[in-house]
Amino acid sequence: MAASGKKVLIADDHPQILELLEAYLEALPVTVSVARDGEATLAAVEREQPDLILLDIMLPGLDGLEVCRILRQEMNVPIIMLTARTDEVDKVVGLELGADDYITKPFSMRELLARVKAALRRQRLVREEVAAEAQPAVPRAQPRTMTFGDLTLDLGRGEVRLRGEPLRLKPKEYELLVYLARNRGMVLSRDLILQRVWGWDYIGASRTVDVHVRWLREKIEPDPSNPQRIVTVRGMGYRFEG
């Protein structure tokens, strides 16, 4: 195993896949640890505090979807789901539970390494942003805010409030909301949103955008089934109306 500041946990019960993944990941390099069932994965995450998890859906005991659901209640570590299932429903469920990406077996190692590097790069940027926010802020004459009725985005503090109460948003939910709000009234395609919010090197499907829009609607819309703030423009994308 290669020595590195980055830690990757592989959760899979197939010895051949584990061996192959370990060998290829060492070329990055990263420090690799493995887990072979759901319970062992949760224990390894608590012990190792990995920067990225490659999580097989078909784990013994707790399956990968349940493991993902539990982890998302506690942390925002990037998760790439590994699945032999080709049914789109399984992929959507994984994204809705909080997975950042998925890849279907059999996969090319080149594609997998590209996704791993992209996920680690995004994780590094998030941590740098968090570290920057922890530094003493330079006083500003006026805080940068955007207000849409009872919804307020405080860009200086990185906070969102609804009717005066702070909302708990995941990092990507916050970034997506800010991007939509800054482009209020414009129709934005899923691909454009994916590029601007997730980055040009993101390999995942645009379905990720739909999932995050749905989560945002559940938090900021009075009636998520009849959204007034984040409006779907059929065949084109989304428009933020405030």
Protein backbone atom coordinates (compact mmCIF):
# COMPACT_ATOMS: atom_id res chain seq x y z
CA MET A 1 0.00 0.00 0.00
CA ALA A 2 1.32 3.43 -0.94
CA ALA A 3 1.93 6.06 1.68
CA SER A 4 -0.06 9.21 1.05
CA GLY A 5 -2.11 11.85 2.79
CA LYS A 6 -5.19 10.59 0.92
CA LYS A 7 -7.04 7.54 2.17
CA VAL A 8 -9.35 5.41 0.06
CA LEU A 9 -11.55 2.69 1.55
CA ILE A 10 -12.68 -0.12 -0.78
CA ALA A 11 -15.77 -1.95 0.41
CA ASP A 12 -16.27 -5.11 -1.67
CA ASP A 13 -16.55 -8.81 -0.89
CA HIS A 14 -14.87 -10.10 -4.07
CA PRO A 15 -11.17 -10.87 -3.39
CA GLN A 16 -10.17 -10.52 -7.04
CA ILE A 17 -11.79 -7.09 -7.36
CA LEU A 18 -10.19 -5.94 -4.09
CA GLU A 19 -6.77 -7.05 -5.26
CA LEU A 20 -7.18 -5.40 -8.65
CA LEU A 21 -8.46 -2.13 -7.21
CA GLU A 22 -5.67 -1.97 -4.64
CA ALA A 23 -3.04 -2.46 -7.32
CA TYR A 24 -4.41 0.27 -9.58
CA LEU A 25 -5.12 2.79 -6.82
CA GLU A 26 -1.56 2.57 -5.55
CA ALA A 27 -0.51 4.24 -8.81
CA LEU A 28 -2.17 7.53 -7.74
CA PRO A 29 -0.77 7.14 -4.99
CA VAL A 30 -3.16 6.79 -2.05
CA THR A 31 -3.31 4.73 1.10
CA VAL A 32 -5.80 1.92 0.57
CA SER A 33 -7.78 0.00 3.17
CA VAL A 34 -10.44 -2.64 2.57
CA ALA A 35 -13.66 -3.92 4.11
CA ARG A 36 -15.58 -7.03 3.03
CA ASP A 37 -19.05 -6.49 4.51
CA GLY A 38 -21.35 -3.70 5.64
CA GLU A 39 -20.55 -3.77 9.35
CA ALA A 40 -16.81 -3.88 8.66
CA THR A 41 -17.20 -0.89 6.33
CA LEU A 42 -18.84 1.25 9.01
CA ALA A 43 -16.14 0.27 11.49
CA ALA A 44 -13.37 1.02 8.97
CA VAL A 45 -14.82 4.44 8.18
CA GLU A 46 -14.87 5.36 11.86
CA ARG A 47 -11.34 4.04 12.35
CA GLU A 48 -9.66 5.23 9.13
CA GLN A 49 -11.57 8.46 8.37
CA PRO A 50 -11.07 7.96 4.60
CA ASP A 51 -11.12 10.74 2.02
CA LEU A 52 -13.10 8.55 -0.39
CA ILE A 53 -15.12 5.32 -0.26
CA LEU A 54 -15.60 2.89 -3.14
CA LEU A 55 -18.75 1.13 -1.99
CA ASP A 56 -20.16 -2.03 -3.57
CA ILE A 57 -23.96 -2.22 -3.45
CA MET A 58 -24.04 -6.01 -2.98
CA LEU A 59 -22.20 -6.25 0.35
CA PRO A 60 -22.95 -9.12 2.77
CA GLY A 61 -24.94 -8.15 5.85
CA LEU A 62 -25.76 -4.47 5.51
CA ASP A 63 -25.82 -3.79 1.79
CA GLY A 64 -24.08 -0.81 0.23
CA LEU A 65 -27.25 1.27 0.00
CA GLU A 66 -27.91 0.92 3.73
CA VAL A 67 -24.27 1.66 4.52
CA CYS A 68 -24.49 4.80 2.35
CA ARG A 69 -27.65 5.93 4.14
CA ILE A 70 -26.02 5.50 7.56
CA LEU A 71 -22.83 7.31 6.54
CA ARG A 72 -24.71 10.25 5.08
CA GLN A 73 -26.33 10.87 8.45
CA GLU A 74 -22.89 11.39 9.97
CA MET A 75 -20.44 12.73 7.37
CA ASN A 76 -19.93 14.10 3.86
CA VAL A 77 -17.09 11.82 2.74
CA PRO A 78 -17.31 11.22 -1.05
CA ILE A 79 -18.88 7.87 -1.96
CA ILE A 80 -18.63 6.18 -5.35
CA MET A 81 -21.05 3.28 -5.62
CA LEU A 82 -19.86 0.12 -7.40
CA THR A 83 -22.70 -1.90 -8.85
CA ALA A 84 -23.20 -4.88 -11.13
CA ARG A 85 -26.82 -3.84 -11.57
CA THR A 86 -27.71 -2.02 -14.77
CA ASP A 87 -31.19 -0.95 -13.63
CA GLU A 88 -31.36 2.85 -13.54
CA VAL A 89 -33.57 2.68 -10.45
CA ASP A 90 -30.71 1.27 -8.36
CA LYS A 91 -28.43 4.08 -9.50
CA VAL A 92 -31.01 6.76 -8.73
CA VAL A 93 -31.62 5.27 -5.28
CA GLY A 94 -27.89 5.42 -4.58
CA LEU A 95 -27.73 9.09 -5.57
CA GLU A 96 -30.82 9.91 -3.52
CA LEU A 97 -29.24 8.28 -0.48
CA GLY A 98 -26.25 10.59 -0.87
CA ALA A 99 -23.75 8.82 -3.12
CA ASP A 100 -21.64 11.26 -5.14
CA ASP A 101 -21.16 9.01 -8.16
CA TYR A 102 -21.64 5.44 -9.39
CA ILE A 103 -19.91 3.14 -11.79
CA THR A 104 -21.27 -0.09 -13.24
CA LYS A 105 -19.33 -3.37 -13.27
CA PRO A 106 -17.53 -4.38 -15.36
CA PHE A 107 -15.75 -1.04 -15.60
CA SER A 108 -12.50 0.09 -17.14
CA MET A 109 -9.76 0.93 -14.68
CA ARG A 110 -9.02 4.10 -16.62
CA GLU A 111 -12.57 5.34 -16.04
CA LEU A 112 -12.49 4.35 -12.38
CA LEU A 113 -9.20 6.15 -11.75
CA ALA A 114 -10.55 9.26 -13.47
CA ARG A 115 -13.60 9.26 -11.21
CA VAL A 116 -11.48 8.65 -8.10
CA LYS A 117 -9.13 11.52 -8.96
CA ALA A 118 -12.06 13.85 -9.66
CA ALA A 119 -13.74 12.95 -6.35
CA LEU A 120 -10.52 13.48 -4.37
CA ARG A 121 -9.96 16.80 -6.12
CA ARG A 122 -13.45 17.99 -5.18
CA GLN A 123 -12.92 16.83 -1.59
CA ARG A 124 -9.69 18.81 -1.40
CA LEU A 125 -11.41 21.95 -2.64
CA VAL A 126 -14.21 21.55 -0.09
CA ARG A 127 -11.71 21.17 2.74
CA GLU A 128 -9.79 24.23 1.56
CA GLU A 129 -13.02 26.23 1.57
CA VAL A 130 -13.85 25.04 5.08
CA ALA A 131 -10.36 25.95 6.27
CA ALA A 132 -10.65 29.39 4.69
CA GLU A 133 -13.99 29.98 6.40
CA ALA A 134 -12.39 29.13 9.74
CA GLN A 135 -9.92 32.01 9.35
CA PRO A 136 -10.86 35.40 10.84
CA ALA A 137 -13.00 37.15 8.29
CA VAL A 138 -12.10 40.58 6.96
CA PRO A 139 -14.85 42.94 8.13
CA ARG A 140 -17.10 44.11 5.34
CA ALA A 141 -19.13 47.30 5.25
CA GLN A 142 -22.17 45.33 4.06
CA PRO A 143 -22.67 41.54 4.03
CA ARG A 144 -23.34 40.02 0.63
CA THR A 145 -26.90 38.76 0.76
CA MET A 146 -29.63 37.78 -1.66
CA THR A 147 -33.19 37.86 -0.41
CA PHE A 148 -36.18 36.25 -2.11
CA GLY A 149 -39.23 36.75 0.08
CA ASP A 150 -38.66 34.70 3.23
CA LEU A 151 -35.55 33.03 1.75
CA THR A 152 -32.18 34.69 2.43
CA LEU A 153 -28.76 33.65 1.13
CA ASP A 154 -25.92 35.15 3.14
CA LEU A 155 -22.91 34.61 0.89
CA GLY A 156 -20.53 36.18 3.37
CA ARG A 157 -21.39 33.61 6.02
CA GLY A 158 -22.21 30.78 3.65
CA GLU A 159 -25.65 30.48 5.25
CA VAL A 160 -29.20 30.09 4.02
CA ARG A 161 -32.19 31.12 6.14
CA LEU A 162 -35.87 30.44 5.61
CA ARG A 163 -38.26 32.63 7.59
CA GLY A 164 -35.29 33.64 9.71
CA GLU A 165 -34.33 30.07 10.59
CA PRO A 166 -31.04 28.60 9.29
CA LEU A 167 -31.32 25.72 6.82
CA ARG A 168 -28.95 22.76 6.99
CA LEU A 169 -27.80 22.26 3.43
CA LYS A 170 -25.21 19.84 2.13
CA PRO A 171 -22.25 21.54 0.39
CA LYS A 172 -23.50 20.73 -3.10
CA GLU A 173 -27.06 21.79 -2.22
CA TYR A 174 -25.70 25.18 -1.09
CA GLU A 175 -23.52 25.61 -4.20
CA LEU A 176 -26.44 24.67 -6.45
CA LEU A 177 -28.80 27.12 -4.75
CA VAL A 178 -26.28 29.97 -4.98
CA TYR A 179 -25.67 29.27 -8.67
CA LEU A 180 -29.40 29.20 -9.44
CA ALA A 181 -30.04 32.35 -7.41
CA ARG A 182 -27.21 34.26 -9.07
CA ASN A 183 -28.78 33.42 -12.44
CA ARG A 184 -32.35 34.20 -11.41
CA GLY A 185 -34.81 34.17 -14.29
CA MET A 186 -32.48 32.32 -16.67
CA VAL A 187 -33.19 28.84 -18.00
CA LEU A 188 -30.19 26.68 -17.11
CA SER A 189 -29.69 23.27 -18.70
CA ARG A 190 -28.76 20.26 -16.58
CA ASP A 191 -25.41 19.94 -18.35
CA LEU A 192 -24.57 23.60 -17.72
CA ILE A 193 -25.50 23.28 -14.04
CA LEU A 194 -23.43 20.11 -13.78
CA GLN A 195 -20.38 21.87 -15.25
CA ARG A 196 -20.70 25.01 -13.15
CA VAL A 197 -21.53 23.38 -9.80
CA TRP A 198 -19.83 19.96 -10.00
CA GLY A 199 -16.96 21.01 -12.25
CA TRP A 200 -15.79 20.29 -15.77
CA ASP A 201 -14.03 17.10 -14.66
CA TYR A 202 -17.17 15.56 -13.15
CA ILE A 203 -17.99 12.31 -14.95
CA GLY A 204 -21.35 11.47 -13.38
CA ALA A 205 -24.72 11.76 -15.13
CA SER A 206 -26.87 14.90 -15.21
CA ARG A 207 -29.43 12.95 -13.18
CA THR A 208 -27.38 14.11 -10.20
CA VAL A 209 -28.74 17.63 -10.83
CA ASP A 210 -32.34 16.38 -10.67
CA VAL A 211 -31.73 14.63 -7.37
CA HIS A 212 -30.18 17.73 -5.76
CA VAL A 213 -32.93 19.99 -7.12
CA ARG A 214 -35.47 17.68 -5.52
CA TRP A 215 -33.65 17.85 -2.18
CA LEU A 216 -33.53 21.66 -2.38
CA ARG A 217 -37.23 21.88 -3.20
CA GLU A 218 -38.04 19.82 -0.13
CA LYS A 219 -36.21 22.40 1.98
CA ILE A 220 -37.10 25.76 0.42
CA GLU A 221 -40.45 25.26 -1.33
CA PRO A 222 -43.74 25.70 0.59
CA ASP A 223 -45.12 22.90 -1.60
CA PRO A 224 -42.32 20.78 -3.16
CA SER A 225 -44.85 19.06 -5.45
CA ASN A 226 -45.74 22.46 -6.93
CA PRO A 227 -42.43 24.36 -6.89
CA GLN A 228 -42.52 28.14 -7.23
CA ARG A 229 -38.85 28.93 -6.64
CA ILE A 230 -37.00 26.30 -8.66
CA VAL A 231 -39.17 25.81 -11.74
CA THR A 232 -38.75 23.00 -14.26
CA VAL A 233 -38.70 24.16 -17.88
CA ARG A 234 -39.70 21.03 -19.75
CA GLY A 235 -37.10 19.82 -22.19
CA MET A 236 -34.66 22.59 -21.23
CA GLY A 237 -33.70 22.56 -17.54
CA TYR A 238 -34.44 24.72 -14.50
CA ARG A 239 -35.17 28.39 -13.78
CA PHE A 240 -34.90 30.07 -10.38
CA GLU A 241 -37.79 32.46 -9.74
CA GLY A 242 -37.03 33.30 -6.13
